[in-house]
Amino acid sequence: MAMHFNTNIFLLAFFAITGILFPSDNNMVVGQGCKADVVNLVNNCGRFVLRKAPRVDPSPQCCAVVQKANIPCACSQVTSETVKALDMDKVVFVAKFCGRPLPPGSKCGAYNVPPAAYLG
């Protein structure tokens, strides 16, 4: 159960961070629509951002979810606890790999995206 909880937190962070790249122009209420995105991210991308797992390329299914996710909504939910639970470097990697890189120096909840040179 603890592993499932940690996976959910880390995937939420992943979705949230990815969302900072493409801020939404609509006036959607924060939290509206996030639940399904977070569940899809956890189920399809969670294993790619775990702290103790090796860095591997995300699956096509994970990238499809990243492409459709409401990133700003998910990003608004990233806390310092979320950041501690995930390997945020892997979150940045997955977002970039899936074609939605996070802007260097941007902020996603409690996480600051590192400079471009660091993202490699």
PDB file of N, CA and C in Angstrom:
ATOM      1  N   MET A   1       0.816  -1.188   0.000  1.00  0.00           N
ATOM      2  CA  MET A   1       0.000   0.000   0.000  1.00  0.00           C
ATOM      3  C   MET A   1       0.865   1.259   0.000  1.00  0.00           C
ATOM      4  N   ALA A   2       1.952   1.263   0.766  1.00  0.00           N
ATOM      5  CA  ALA A   2       2.839   2.423   0.803  1.00  0.00           C
ATOM      6  C   ALA A   2       3.465   2.661  -0.569  1.00  0.00           C
ATOM      7  N   MET A   3       3.802   1.595  -1.280  1.00  0.00           N
ATOM      8  CA  MET A   3       4.392   1.736  -2.617  1.00  0.00           C
ATOM      9  C   MET A   3       3.370   2.340  -3.570  1.00  0.00           C
ATOM     10  N   HIS A   4       2.113   1.933  -3.481  1.00  0.00           N
ATOM     11  CA  HIS A   4       1.061   2.482  -4.331  1.00  0.00           C
ATOM     12  C   HIS A   4       0.885   3.969  -4.043  1.00  0.00           C
ATOM     13  N   PHE A   5       0.929   4.357  -2.770  1.00  0.00           N
ATOM     14  CA  PHE A   5       0.792   5.764  -2.383  1.00  0.00           C
ATOM     15  C   PHE A   5       1.948   6.576  -2.946  1.00  0.00           C
ATOM     16  N   ASN A   6       3.181   6.081  -2.802  1.00  0.00           N
ATOM     17  CA  ASN A   6       4.352   6.792  -3.314  1.00  0.00           C
ATOM     18  C   ASN A   6       4.298   6.910  -4.830  1.00  0.00           C
ATOM     19  N   THR A   7       3.846   5.884  -5.510  1.00  0.00           N
ATOM     20  CA  THR A   7       3.723   5.935  -6.956  1.00  0.00           C
ATOM     21  C   THR A   7       2.709   6.994  -7.359  1.00  0.00           C
ATOM     22  N   ASN A   8       1.604   7.071  -6.653  1.00  0.00           N
ATOM     23  CA  ASN A   8       0.598   8.088  -6.954  1.00  0.00           C
ATOM     24  C   ASN A   8       1.154   9.486  -6.761  1.00  0.00           C
ATOM     25  N   ILE A   9       1.890   9.707  -5.711  1.00  0.00           N
ATOM     26  CA  ILE A   9       2.468  11.022  -5.440  1.00  0.00           C
ATOM     27  C   ILE A   9       3.464  11.378  -6.537  1.00  0.00           C
ATOM     28  N   PHE A  10       4.307  10.436  -6.886  1.00  0.00           N
ATOM     29  CA  PHE A  10       5.330  10.759  -7.868  1.00  0.00           C
ATOM     30  C   PHE A  10       4.732  11.022  -9.238  1.00  0.00           C
ATOM     31  N   LEU A  11       3.705  10.300  -9.601  1.00  0.00           N
ATOM     32  CA  LEU A  11       3.075  10.526 -10.887  1.00  0.00           C
ATOM     33  C   LEU A  11       2.329  11.847 -10.907  1.00  0.00           C
ATOM     34  N   LEU A  12       1.715  12.203  -9.795  1.00  0.00           N
ATOM     35  CA  LEU A  12       1.063  13.500  -9.690  1.00  0.00           C
ATOM     36  C   LEU A  12       2.095  14.593  -9.933  1.00  0.00           C
ATOM     37  N   ALA A  13       3.248  14.444  -9.345  1.00  0.00           N
ATOM     38  CA  ALA A  13       4.302  15.432  -9.536  1.00  0.00           C
ATOM     39  C   ALA A  13       4.719  15.476 -11.002  1.00  0.00           C
ATOM     40  N   PHE A  14       4.833  14.335 -11.607  1.00  0.00           N
ATOM     41  CA  PHE A  14       5.228  14.277 -13.009  1.00  0.00           C
ATOM     42  C   PHE A  14       4.243  15.038 -13.888  1.00  0.00           C
ATOM     43  N   PHE A  15       2.984  14.777 -13.687  1.00  0.00           N
ATOM     44  CA  PHE A  15       1.955  15.442 -14.470  1.00  0.00           C
ATOM     45  C   PHE A  15       1.983  16.936 -14.213  1.00  0.00           C
ATOM     46  N   ALA A  16       2.138  17.282 -12.992  1.00  0.00           N
ATOM     47  CA  ALA A  16       2.140  18.682 -12.620  1.00  0.00           C
ATOM     48  C   ALA A  16       3.305  19.413 -13.270  1.00  0.00           C
ATOM     49  N   ILE A  17       4.445  18.808 -13.252  1.00  0.00           N
ATOM     50  CA  ILE A  17       5.616  19.443 -13.821  1.00  0.00           C
ATOM     51  C   ILE A  17       5.487  19.573 -15.326  1.00  0.00           C
ATOM     52  N   THR A  18       4.978  18.552 -15.945  1.00  0.00           N
ATOM     53  CA  THR A  18       4.809  18.593 -17.383  1.00  0.00           C
ATOM     54  C   THR A  18       3.877  19.726 -17.776  1.00  0.00           C
ATOM     55  N   GLY A  19       2.888  20.009 -16.975  1.00  0.00           N
ATOM     56  CA  GLY A  19       1.895  21.033 -17.268  1.00  0.00           C
ATOM     57  C   GLY A  19       2.427  22.433 -17.285  1.00  0.00           C
ATOM     58  N   ILE A  20       3.525  22.665 -16.650  1.00  0.00           N
ATOM     59  CA  ILE A  20       4.031  24.031 -16.598  1.00  0.00           C
ATOM     60  C   ILE A  20       4.494  24.501 -17.971  1.00  0.00           C
ATOM     61  N   LEU A  21       4.841  23.580 -18.829  1.00  0.00           N
ATOM     62  CA  LEU A  21       5.320  23.945 -20.154  1.00  0.00           C
ATOM     63  C   LEU A  21       4.229  24.582 -20.992  1.00  0.00           C
ATOM     64  N   PHE A  22       3.041  24.059 -20.918  1.00  0.00           N
ATOM     65  CA  PHE A  22       1.940  24.549 -21.728  1.00  0.00           C
ATOM     66  C   PHE A  22       0.824  25.082 -20.853  1.00  0.00           C
ATOM     67  N   PRO A  23       0.996  26.284 -20.328  1.00  0.00           N
ATOM     68  CA  PRO A  23      -0.063  26.827 -19.494  1.00  0.00           C
ATOM     69  C   PRO A  23      -1.356  26.949 -20.280  1.00  0.00           C
ATOM     70  N   SER A  24      -2.439  26.735 -19.612  1.00  0.00           N
ATOM     71  CA  SER A  24      -3.749  26.773 -20.248  1.00  0.00           C
ATOM     72  C   SER A  24      -4.271  28.191 -20.317  1.00  0.00           C
ATOM     73  N   ASP A  25      -4.849  28.552 -21.450  1.00  0.00           N
ATOM     74  CA  ASP A  25      -5.433  29.873 -21.603  1.00  0.00           C
ATOM     75  C   ASP A  25      -6.878  29.912 -21.145  1.00  0.00           C
ATOM     76  N   ASN A  26      -7.462  28.736 -20.919  1.00  0.00           N
ATOM     77  CA  ASN A  26      -8.846  28.753 -20.459  1.00  0.00           C
ATOM     78  C   ASN A  26      -8.876  29.021 -18.959  1.00  0.00           C
ATOM     79  N   ASN A  27     -10.024  29.390 -18.457  1.00  0.00           N
ATOM     80  CA  ASN A  27     -10.152  29.733 -17.046  1.00  0.00           C
ATOM     81  C   ASN A  27     -10.690  28.558 -16.241  1.00  0.00           C
ATOM     82  N   MET A  28     -10.119  27.411 -16.453  1.00  0.00           N
ATOM     83  CA  MET A  28     -10.559  26.193 -15.789  1.00  0.00           C
ATOM     84  C   MET A  28     -10.285  26.288 -14.291  1.00  0.00           C
ATOM     85  N   VAL A  29     -11.207  25.825 -13.509  1.00  0.00           N
ATOM     86  CA  VAL A  29     -11.050  25.825 -12.062  1.00  0.00           C
ATOM     87  C   VAL A  29      -9.958  24.828 -11.707  1.00  0.00           C
ATOM     88  N   VAL A  30      -9.025  25.228 -10.827  1.00  0.00           N
ATOM     89  CA  VAL A  30      -7.945  24.342 -10.419  1.00  0.00           C
ATOM     90  C   VAL A  30      -8.539  23.099  -9.782  1.00  0.00           C
ATOM     91  N   GLY A  31      -8.054  21.968 -10.204  1.00  0.00           N
ATOM     92  CA  GLY A  31      -8.528  20.704  -9.674  1.00  0.00           C
ATOM     93  C   GLY A  31      -9.549  20.043 -10.584  1.00  0.00           C
ATOM     94  N   GLN A  32     -10.265  20.822 -11.372  1.00  0.00           N
ATOM     95  CA  GLN A  32     -11.263  20.263 -12.269  1.00  0.00           C
ATOM     96  C   GLN A  32     -10.541  19.528 -13.394  1.00  0.00           C
ATOM     97  N   GLY A  33     -10.798  18.257 -13.541  1.00  0.00           N
ATOM     98  CA  GLY A  33     -10.164  17.489 -14.596  1.00  0.00           C
ATOM     99  C   GLY A  33      -8.842  16.870 -14.206  1.00  0.00           C
ATOM    100  N   CYS A  34      -8.296  17.231 -13.066  1.00  0.00           N
ATOM    101  CA  CYS A  34      -6.992  16.704 -12.649  1.00  0.00           C
ATOM    102  C   CYS A  34      -7.050  15.241 -12.224  1.00  0.00           C
ATOM    103  N   LYS A  35      -8.134  14.839 -11.624  1.00  0.00           N
ATOM    104  CA  LYS A  35      -8.192  13.487 -11.064  1.00  0.00           C
ATOM    105  C   LYS A  35      -7.944  12.422 -12.127  1.00  0.00           C
ATOM    106  N   ALA A  36      -8.615  12.512 -13.239  1.00  0.00           N
ATOM    107  CA  ALA A  36      -8.431  11.515 -14.302  1.00  0.00           C
ATOM    108  C   ALA A  36      -7.012  11.580 -14.867  1.00  0.00           C
ATOM    109  N   ASP A  37      -6.482  12.785 -15.037  1.00  0.00           N
ATOM    110  CA  ASP A  37      -5.117  12.935 -15.536  1.00  0.00           C
ATOM    111  C   ASP A  37      -4.117  12.292 -14.583  1.00  0.00           C
ATOM    112  N   VAL A  38      -4.280  12.575 -13.303  1.00  0.00           N
ATOM    113  CA  VAL A  38      -3.354  12.029 -12.312  1.00  0.00           C
ATOM    114  C   VAL A  38      -3.426  10.503 -12.296  1.00  0.00           C
ATOM    115  N   VAL A  39      -4.618   9.966 -12.335  1.00  0.00           N
ATOM    116  CA  VAL A  39      -4.782   8.505 -12.352  1.00  0.00           C
ATOM    117  C   VAL A  39      -4.106   7.924 -13.593  1.00  0.00           C
ATOM    118  N   ASN A  40      -4.324   8.540 -14.747  1.00  0.00           N
ATOM    119  CA  ASN A  40      -3.691   8.051 -15.980  1.00  0.00           C
ATOM    120  C   ASN A  40      -2.181   8.165 -15.920  1.00  0.00           C
ATOM    121  N   LEU A  41      -1.679   9.249 -15.361  1.00  0.00           N
ATOM    122  CA  LEU A  41      -0.230   9.411 -15.232  1.00  0.00           C
ATOM    123  C   LEU A  41       0.357   8.366 -14.303  1.00  0.00           C
ATOM    124  N   VAL A  42      -0.283   8.152 -13.178  1.00  0.00           N
ATOM    125  CA  VAL A  42       0.203   7.144 -12.235  1.00  0.00           C
ATOM    126  C   VAL A  42       0.223   5.776 -12.892  1.00  0.00           C
ATOM    127  N   ASN A  43      -0.863   5.428 -13.535  1.00  0.00           N
ATOM    128  CA  ASN A  43      -0.974   4.099 -14.131  1.00  0.00           C
ATOM    129  C   ASN A  43      -0.029   3.880 -15.307  1.00  0.00           C
ATOM    130  N   ASN A  44       0.253   4.929 -16.064  1.00  0.00           N
ATOM    131  CA  ASN A  44       1.043   4.763 -17.289  1.00  0.00           C
ATOM    132  C   ASN A  44       2.481   5.253 -17.192  1.00  0.00           C
ATOM    133  N   CYS A  45       2.769   6.143 -16.265  1.00  0.00           N
ATOM    134  CA  CYS A  45       4.103   6.749 -16.196  1.00  0.00           C
ATOM    135  C   CYS A  45       4.806   6.583 -14.857  1.00  0.00           C
ATOM    136  N   GLY A  46       4.094   6.155 -13.855  1.00  0.00           N
ATOM    137  CA  GLY A  46       4.648   6.080 -12.505  1.00  0.00           C
ATOM    138  C   GLY A  46       5.974   5.363 -12.399  1.00  0.00           C
ATOM    139  N   ARG A  47       6.081   4.225 -13.039  1.00  0.00           N
ATOM    140  CA  ARG A  47       7.312   3.428 -12.916  1.00  0.00           C
ATOM    141  C   ARG A  47       8.530   4.110 -13.520  1.00  0.00           C
ATOM    142  N   PHE A  48       8.327   5.107 -14.363  1.00  0.00           N
ATOM    143  CA  PHE A  48       9.445   5.784 -15.026  1.00  0.00           C
ATOM    144  C   PHE A  48      10.033   6.918 -14.200  1.00  0.00           C
ATOM    145  N   VAL A  49       9.397   7.282 -13.101  1.00  0.00           N
ATOM    146  CA  VAL A  49       9.899   8.395 -12.289  1.00  0.00           C
ATOM    147  C   VAL A  49      10.150   8.011 -10.835  1.00  0.00           C
ATOM    148  N   LEU A  50      10.152   6.735 -10.553  1.00  0.00           N
ATOM    149  CA  LEU A  50      10.427   6.280  -9.191  1.00  0.00           C
ATOM    150  C   LEU A  50      11.858   6.599  -8.802  1.00  0.00           C
ATOM    151  N   ARG A  51      12.039   7.007  -7.574  1.00  0.00           N
ATOM    152  CA  ARG A  51      13.351   7.416  -7.075  1.00  0.00           C
ATOM    153  C   ARG A  51      14.380   6.291  -7.161  1.00  0.00           C
ATOM    154  N   LYS A  52      14.021   5.090  -6.813  1.00  0.00           N
ATOM    155  CA  LYS A  52      15.009   4.005  -6.731  1.00  0.00           C
ATOM    156  C   LYS A  52      15.102   3.147  -7.983  1.00  0.00           C
ATOM    157  N   ALA A  53      14.385   3.505  -9.020  1.00  0.00           N
ATOM    158  CA  ALA A  53      14.419   2.738 -10.262  1.00  0.00           C
ATOM    159  C   ALA A  53      15.431   3.364 -11.229  1.00  0.00           C
ATOM    160  N   PRO A  54      15.983   2.561 -12.136  1.00  0.00           N
ATOM    161  CA  PRO A  54      16.901   3.127 -13.132  1.00  0.00           C
ATOM    162  C   PRO A  54      16.139   4.020 -14.113  1.00  0.00           C
ATOM    163  N   ARG A  55      16.835   4.974 -14.692  1.00  0.00           N
ATOM    164  CA  ARG A  55      16.206   5.841 -15.695  1.00  0.00           C
ATOM    165  C   ARG A  55      16.100   5.076 -17.004  1.00  0.00           C
ATOM    166  N   VAL A  56      14.882   4.943 -17.502  1.00  0.00           N
ATOM    167  CA  VAL A  56      14.619   4.288 -18.781  1.00  0.00           C
ATOM    168  C   VAL A  56      13.655   5.155 -19.573  1.00  0.00           C
ATOM    169  N   ASP A  57      13.685   4.987 -20.895  1.00  0.00           N
ATOM    170  CA  ASP A  57      12.761   5.733 -21.743  1.00  0.00           C
ATOM    171  C   ASP A  57      11.324   5.338 -21.410  1.00  0.00           C
ATOM    172  N   PRO A  58      10.439   6.327 -21.342  1.00  0.00           N
ATOM    173  CA  PRO A  58       9.038   6.005 -21.062  1.00  0.00           C
ATOM    174  C   PRO A  58       8.389   5.289 -22.239  1.00  0.00           C
ATOM    175  N   SER A  59       7.318   4.593 -21.951  1.00  0.00           N
ATOM    176  CA  SER A  59       6.597   3.840 -22.974  1.00  0.00           C
ATOM    177  C   SER A  59       5.770   4.773 -23.858  1.00  0.00           C
ATOM    178  N   PRO A  60       5.377   4.306 -25.034  1.00  0.00           N
ATOM    179  CA  PRO A  60       4.478   5.092 -25.880  1.00  0.00           C
ATOM    180  C   PRO A  60       3.163   5.426 -25.162  1.00  0.00           C
ATOM    181  N   GLN A  61       2.677   4.499 -24.334  1.00  0.00           N
ATOM    182  CA  GLN A  61       1.444   4.749 -23.583  1.00  0.00           C
ATOM    183  C   GLN A  61       1.632   5.901 -22.605  1.00  0.00           C
ATOM    184  N   CYS A  62       2.773   5.930 -21.927  1.00  0.00           N
ATOM    185  CA  CYS A  62       3.073   7.017 -20.999  1.00  0.00           C
ATOM    186  C   CYS A  62       3.102   8.345 -21.752  1.00  0.00           C
ATOM    187  N   CYS A  63       3.802   8.374 -22.868  1.00  0.00           N
ATOM    188  CA  CYS A  63       3.908   9.618 -23.642  1.00  0.00           C
ATOM    189  C   CYS A  63       2.541  10.085 -24.153  1.00  0.00           C
ATOM    190  N   ALA A  64       1.688   9.161 -24.522  1.00  0.00           N
ATOM    191  CA  ALA A  64       0.349   9.539 -24.979  1.00  0.00           C
ATOM    192  C   ALA A  64      -0.416  10.235 -23.856  1.00  0.00           C
ATOM    193  N   VAL A  65      -0.252   9.748 -22.640  1.00  0.00           N
ATOM    194  CA  VAL A  65      -0.915  10.365 -21.487  1.00  0.00           C
ATOM    195  C   VAL A  65      -0.325  11.742 -21.207  1.00  0.00           C
ATOM    196  N   VAL A  66       0.987  11.844 -21.289  1.00  0.00           N
ATOM    197  CA  VAL A  66       1.650  13.133 -21.064  1.00  0.00           C
ATOM    198  C   VAL A  66       1.154  14.158 -22.082  1.00  0.00           C
ATOM    199  N   GLN A  67       1.014  13.752 -23.318  1.00  0.00           N
ATOM    200  CA  GLN A  67       0.570  14.657 -24.377  1.00  0.00           C
ATOM    201  C   GLN A  67      -0.836  15.195 -24.131  1.00  0.00           C
ATOM    202  N   LYS A  68      -1.694  14.411 -23.502  1.00  0.00           N
ATOM    203  CA  LYS A  68      -3.094  14.805 -23.305  1.00  0.00           C
ATOM    204  C   LYS A  68      -3.372  15.427 -21.942  1.00  0.00           C
ATOM    205  N   ALA A  69      -2.429  15.376 -21.034  1.00  0.00           N
ATOM    206  CA  ALA A  69      -2.657  15.794 -19.653  1.00  0.00           C
ATOM    207  C   ALA A  69      -2.839  17.302 -19.513  1.00  0.00           C
ATOM    208  N   ASN A  70      -3.627  17.684 -18.523  1.00  0.00           N
ATOM    209  CA  ASN A  70      -3.782  19.092 -18.140  1.00  0.00           C
ATOM    210  C   ASN A  70      -2.654  19.391 -17.159  1.00  0.00           C
ATOM    211  N   ILE A  71      -1.531  19.750 -17.694  1.00  0.00           N
ATOM    212  CA  ILE A  71      -0.329  19.914 -16.895  1.00  0.00           C
ATOM    213  C   ILE A  71      -0.439  21.050 -15.879  1.00  0.00           C
ATOM    214  N   PRO A  72      -0.936  22.216 -16.252  1.00  0.00           N
ATOM    215  CA  PRO A  72      -1.028  23.291 -15.249  1.00  0.00           C
ATOM    216  C   PRO A  72      -1.860  22.895 -14.030  1.00  0.00           C
ATOM    217  N   CYS A  73      -2.916  22.180 -14.256  1.00  0.00           N
ATOM    218  CA  CYS A  73      -3.771  21.727 -13.155  1.00  0.00           C
ATOM    219  C   CYS A  73      -3.003  20.783 -12.243  1.00  0.00           C
ATOM    220  N   ALA A  74      -2.352  19.803 -12.821  1.00  0.00           N
ATOM    221  CA  ALA A  74      -1.582  18.845 -12.028  1.00  0.00           C
ATOM    222  C   ALA A  74      -0.411  19.529 -11.336  1.00  0.00           C
ATOM    223  N   CYS A  75       0.220  20.445 -12.021  1.00  0.00           N
ATOM    224  CA  CYS A  75       1.377  21.146 -11.462  1.00  0.00           C
ATOM    225  C   CYS A  75       0.996  21.933 -10.212  1.00  0.00           C
ATOM    226  N   SER A  76      -0.195  22.462 -10.202  1.00  0.00           N
ATOM    227  CA  SER A  76      -0.640  23.261  -9.058  1.00  0.00           C
ATOM    228  C   SER A  76      -0.719  22.434  -7.777  1.00  0.00           C
ATOM    229  N   GLN A  77      -0.651  21.126  -7.893  1.00  0.00           N
ATOM    230  CA  GLN A  77      -0.769  20.246  -6.734  1.00  0.00           C
ATOM    231  C   GLN A  77       0.563  19.697  -6.244  1.00  0.00           C
ATOM    232  N   VAL A  78       1.667  20.083  -6.866  1.00  0.00           N
ATOM    233  CA  VAL A  78       2.978  19.572  -6.463  1.00  0.00           C
ATOM    234  C   VAL A  78       3.426  20.272  -5.178  1.00  0.00           C
ATOM    235  N   THR A  79       3.673  19.481  -4.156  1.00  0.00           N
ATOM    236  CA  THR A  79       4.109  19.995  -2.857  1.00  0.00           C
ATOM    237  C   THR A  79       5.550  19.577  -2.589  1.00  0.00           C
ATOM    238  N   SER A  80       6.120  20.066  -1.508  1.00  0.00           N
ATOM    239  CA  SER A  80       7.476  19.656  -1.136  1.00  0.00           C
ATOM    240  C   SER A  80       7.511  18.162  -0.820  1.00  0.00           C
ATOM    241  N   GLU A  81       6.416  17.606  -0.312  1.00  0.00           N
ATOM    242  CA  GLU A  81       6.351  16.161  -0.055  1.00  0.00           C
ATOM    243  C   GLU A  81       6.365  15.375  -1.360  1.00  0.00           C
ATOM    244  N   THR A  82       5.681  15.884  -2.368  1.00  0.00           N
ATOM    245  CA  THR A  82       5.681  15.232  -3.676  1.00  0.00           C
ATOM    246  C   THR A  82       7.096  15.208  -4.235  1.00  0.00           C
ATOM    247  N   VAL A  83       7.771  16.339  -4.120  1.00  0.00           N
ATOM    248  CA  VAL A  83       9.137  16.453  -4.627  1.00  0.00           C
ATOM    249  C   VAL A  83      10.062  15.462  -3.928  1.00  0.00           C
ATOM    250  N   LYS A  84       9.866  15.241  -2.649  1.00  0.00           N
ATOM    251  CA  LYS A  84      10.690  14.282  -1.901  1.00  0.00           C
ATOM    252  C   LYS A  84      10.413  12.842  -2.323  1.00  0.00           C
ATOM    253  N   ALA A  85       9.189  12.577  -2.747  1.00  0.00           N
ATOM    254  CA  ALA A  85       8.788  11.204  -3.067  1.00  0.00           C
ATOM    255  C   ALA A  85       9.246  10.750  -4.449  1.00  0.00           C
ATOM    256  N   LEU A  86       9.501  11.682  -5.351  1.00  0.00           N
ATOM    257  CA  LEU A  86       9.839  11.345  -6.735  1.00  0.00           C
ATOM    258  C   LEU A  86      11.265  11.717  -7.082  1.00  0.00           C
ATOM    259  N   ASP A  87      11.756  11.145  -8.164  1.00  0.00           N
ATOM    260  CA  ASP A  87      13.023  11.575  -8.744  1.00  0.00           C
ATOM    261  C   ASP A  87      12.658  12.631  -9.777  1.00  0.00           C
ATOM    262  N   MET A  88      12.761  13.887  -9.392  1.00  0.00           N
ATOM    263  CA  MET A  88      12.299  14.965 -10.252  1.00  0.00           C
ATOM    264  C   MET A  88      13.137  15.087 -11.522  1.00  0.00           C
ATOM    265  N   ASP A  89      14.383  14.660 -11.482  1.00  0.00           N
ATOM    266  CA  ASP A  89      15.186  14.641 -12.709  1.00  0.00           C
ATOM    267  C   ASP A  89      14.554  13.698 -13.733  1.00  0.00           C
ATOM    268  N   LYS A  90      14.000  12.586 -13.257  1.00  0.00           N
ATOM    269  CA  LYS A  90      13.319  11.653 -14.156  1.00  0.00           C
ATOM    270  C   LYS A  90      12.013  12.246 -14.666  1.00  0.00           C
ATOM    271  N   VAL A  91      11.340  13.005 -13.841  1.00  0.00           N
ATOM    272  CA  VAL A  91      10.107  13.668 -14.277  1.00  0.00           C
ATOM    273  C   VAL A  91      10.425  14.611 -15.436  1.00  0.00           C
ATOM    274  N   VAL A  92      11.476  15.398 -15.278  1.00  0.00           N
ATOM    275  CA  VAL A  92      11.897  16.326 -16.327  1.00  0.00           C
ATOM    276  C   VAL A  92      12.291  15.552 -17.583  1.00  0.00           C
ATOM    277  N   PHE A  93      13.017  14.454 -17.398  1.00  0.00           N
ATOM    278  CA  PHE A  93      13.426  13.613 -18.525  1.00  0.00           C
ATOM    279  C   PHE A  93      12.220  13.057 -19.285  1.00  0.00           C
ATOM    280  N   VAL A  94      11.252  12.519 -18.557  1.00  0.00           N
ATOM    281  CA  VAL A  94      10.073  11.937 -19.198  1.00  0.00           C
ATOM    282  C   VAL A  94       9.305  13.006 -19.967  1.00  0.00           C
ATOM    283  N   ALA A  95       9.125  14.161 -19.366  1.00  0.00           N
ATOM    284  CA  ALA A  95       8.414  15.246 -20.047  1.00  0.00           C
ATOM    285  C   ALA A  95       9.125  15.612 -21.352  1.00  0.00           C
ATOM    286  N   LYS A  96      10.450  15.744 -21.292  1.00  0.00           N
ATOM    287  CA  LYS A  96      11.229  16.091 -22.484  1.00  0.00           C
ATOM    288  C   LYS A  96      11.151  14.977 -23.528  1.00  0.00           C
ATOM    289  N   PHE A  97      11.316  13.744 -23.092  1.00  0.00           N
ATOM    290  CA  PHE A  97      11.279  12.595 -23.998  1.00  0.00           C
ATOM    291  C   PHE A  97       9.941  12.524 -24.723  1.00  0.00           C
ATOM    292  N   CYS A  98       8.877  12.839 -24.025  1.00  0.00           N
ATOM    293  CA  CYS A  98       7.526  12.752 -24.583  1.00  0.00           C
ATOM    294  C   CYS A  98       7.115  13.994 -25.370  1.00  0.00           C
ATOM    295  N   GLY A  99       8.042  14.901 -25.589  1.00  0.00           N
ATOM    296  CA  GLY A  99       7.774  16.060 -26.437  1.00  0.00           C
ATOM    297  C   GLY A  99       7.128  17.243 -25.747  1.00  0.00           C
ATOM    298  N   ARG A 100       7.120  17.247 -24.428  1.00  0.00           N
ATOM    299  CA  ARG A 100       6.571  18.387 -23.680  1.00  0.00           C
ATOM    300  C   ARG A 100       7.585  18.821 -22.626  1.00  0.00           C
ATOM    301  N   PRO A 101       8.752  19.282 -23.080  1.00  0.00           N
ATOM    302  CA  PRO A 101       9.798  19.643 -22.119  1.00  0.00           C
ATOM    303  C   PRO A 101       9.362  20.796 -21.222  1.00  0.00           C
ATOM    304  N   LEU A 102       9.837  20.757 -20.005  1.00  0.00           N
ATOM    305  CA  LEU A 102       9.542  21.826 -19.062  1.00  0.00           C
ATOM    306  C   LEU A 102      10.537  22.956 -19.281  1.00  0.00           C
ATOM    307  N   PRO A 103      10.068  24.192 -19.290  1.00  0.00           N
ATOM    308  CA  PRO A 103      10.985  25.304 -19.526  1.00  0.00           C
ATOM    309  C   PRO A 103      12.022  25.411 -18.402  1.00  0.00           C
ATOM    310  N   PRO A 104      13.296  25.503 -18.766  1.00  0.00           N
ATOM    311  CA  PRO A 104      14.339  25.666 -17.749  1.00  0.00           C
ATOM    312  C   PRO A 104      14.055  26.900 -16.899  1.00  0.00           C
ATOM    313  N   GLY A 105      14.226  26.754 -15.598  1.00  0.00           N
ATOM    314  CA  GLY A 105      14.014  27.864 -14.687  1.00  0.00           C
ATOM    315  C   GLY A 105      12.555  28.071 -14.286  1.00  0.00           C
ATOM    316  N   SER A 106      11.637  27.286 -14.866  1.00  0.00           N
ATOM    317  CA  SER A 106      10.228  27.435 -14.501  1.00  0.00           C
ATOM    318  C   SER A 106       9.963  26.762 -13.161  1.00  0.00           C
ATOM    319  N   LYS A 107       8.812  27.040 -12.612  1.00  0.00           N
ATOM    320  CA  LYS A 107       8.433  26.489 -11.320  1.00  0.00           C
ATOM    321  C   LYS A 107       7.137  25.699 -11.474  1.00  0.00           C
ATOM    322  N   CYS A 108       7.125  24.543 -10.860  1.00  0.00           N
ATOM    323  CA  CYS A 108       5.928  23.702 -10.867  1.00  0.00           C
ATOM    324  C   CYS A 108       5.636  23.340  -9.423  1.00  0.00           C
ATOM    325  N   GLY A 109       4.697  24.022  -8.833  1.00  0.00           N
ATOM    326  CA  GLY A 109       4.428  23.805  -7.423  1.00  0.00           C
ATOM    327  C   GLY A 109       5.679  24.078  -6.618  1.00  0.00           C
ATOM    328  N   ALA A 110       6.140  23.091  -5.869  1.00  0.00           N
ATOM    329  CA  ALA A 110       7.317  23.247  -5.012  1.00  0.00           C
ATOM    330  C   ALA A 110       8.620  22.890  -5.720  1.00  0.00           C
ATOM    331  N   TYR A 111       8.583  22.661  -7.012  1.00  0.00           N
ATOM    332  CA  TYR A 111       9.781  22.237  -7.750  1.00  0.00           C
ATOM    333  C   TYR A 111      10.229  23.295  -8.740  1.00  0.00           C
ATOM    334  N   ASN A 112      11.531  23.558  -8.763  1.00  0.00           N
ATOM    335  CA  ASN A 112      12.127  24.473  -9.734  1.00  0.00           C
ATOM    336  C   ASN A 112      12.838  23.654 -10.796  1.00  0.00           C
ATOM    337  N   VAL A 113      12.442  23.823 -12.053  1.00  0.00           N
ATOM    338  CA  VAL A 113      13.078  23.101 -13.156  1.00  0.00           C
ATOM    339  C   VAL A 113      14.486  23.657 -13.335  1.00  0.00           C
ATOM    340  N   PRO A 114      15.484  22.771 -13.378  1.00  0.00           N
ATOM    341  CA  PRO A 114      16.880  23.228 -13.493  1.00  0.00           C
ATOM    342  C   PRO A 114      17.192  23.873 -14.834  1.00  0.00           C
ATOM    343  N   PRO A 115      18.339  24.574 -14.904  1.00  0.00           N
ATOM    344  CA  PRO A 115      18.762  25.193 -16.170  1.00  0.00           C
ATOM    345  C   PRO A 115      18.898  24.170 -17.298  1.00  0.00           C
ATOM    346  N   ALA A 116      18.788  24.632 -18.512  1.00  0.00           N
ATOM    347  CA  ALA A 116      18.818  23.758 -19.701  1.00  0.00           C
ATOM    348  C   ALA A 116      20.052  22.872 -19.740  1.00  0.00           C
ATOM    349  N   ALA A 117      21.209  23.401 -19.377  1.00  0.00           N
ATOM    350  CA  ALA A 117      22.445  22.616 -19.430  1.00  0.00           C
ATOM    351  C   ALA A 117      22.336  21.384 -18.538  1.00  0.00           C
ATOM    352  N   TYR A 118      21.601  21.490 -17.459  1.00  0.00           N
ATOM    353  CA  TYR A 118      21.454  20.386 -16.526  1.00  0.00           C
ATOM    354  C   TYR A 118      20.513  19.313 -17.064  1.00  0.00           C
ATOM    355  N   LEU A 119      19.550  19.725 -17.873  1.00  0.00           N
ATOM    356  CA  LEU A 119      18.544  18.787 -18.364  1.00  0.00           C
ATOM    357  C   LEU A 119      19.092  17.800 -19.385  1.00  0.00           C
ATOM    358  N   GLY A 120      20.143  18.191 -20.098  1.00  0.00           N
ATOM    359  CA  GLY A 120      20.788  17.339 -21.081  1.00  0.00           C
ATOM    360  C   GLY A 120      19.921  16.452 -21.777  1.00  0.00           C
TER     361      GLY A 120
END
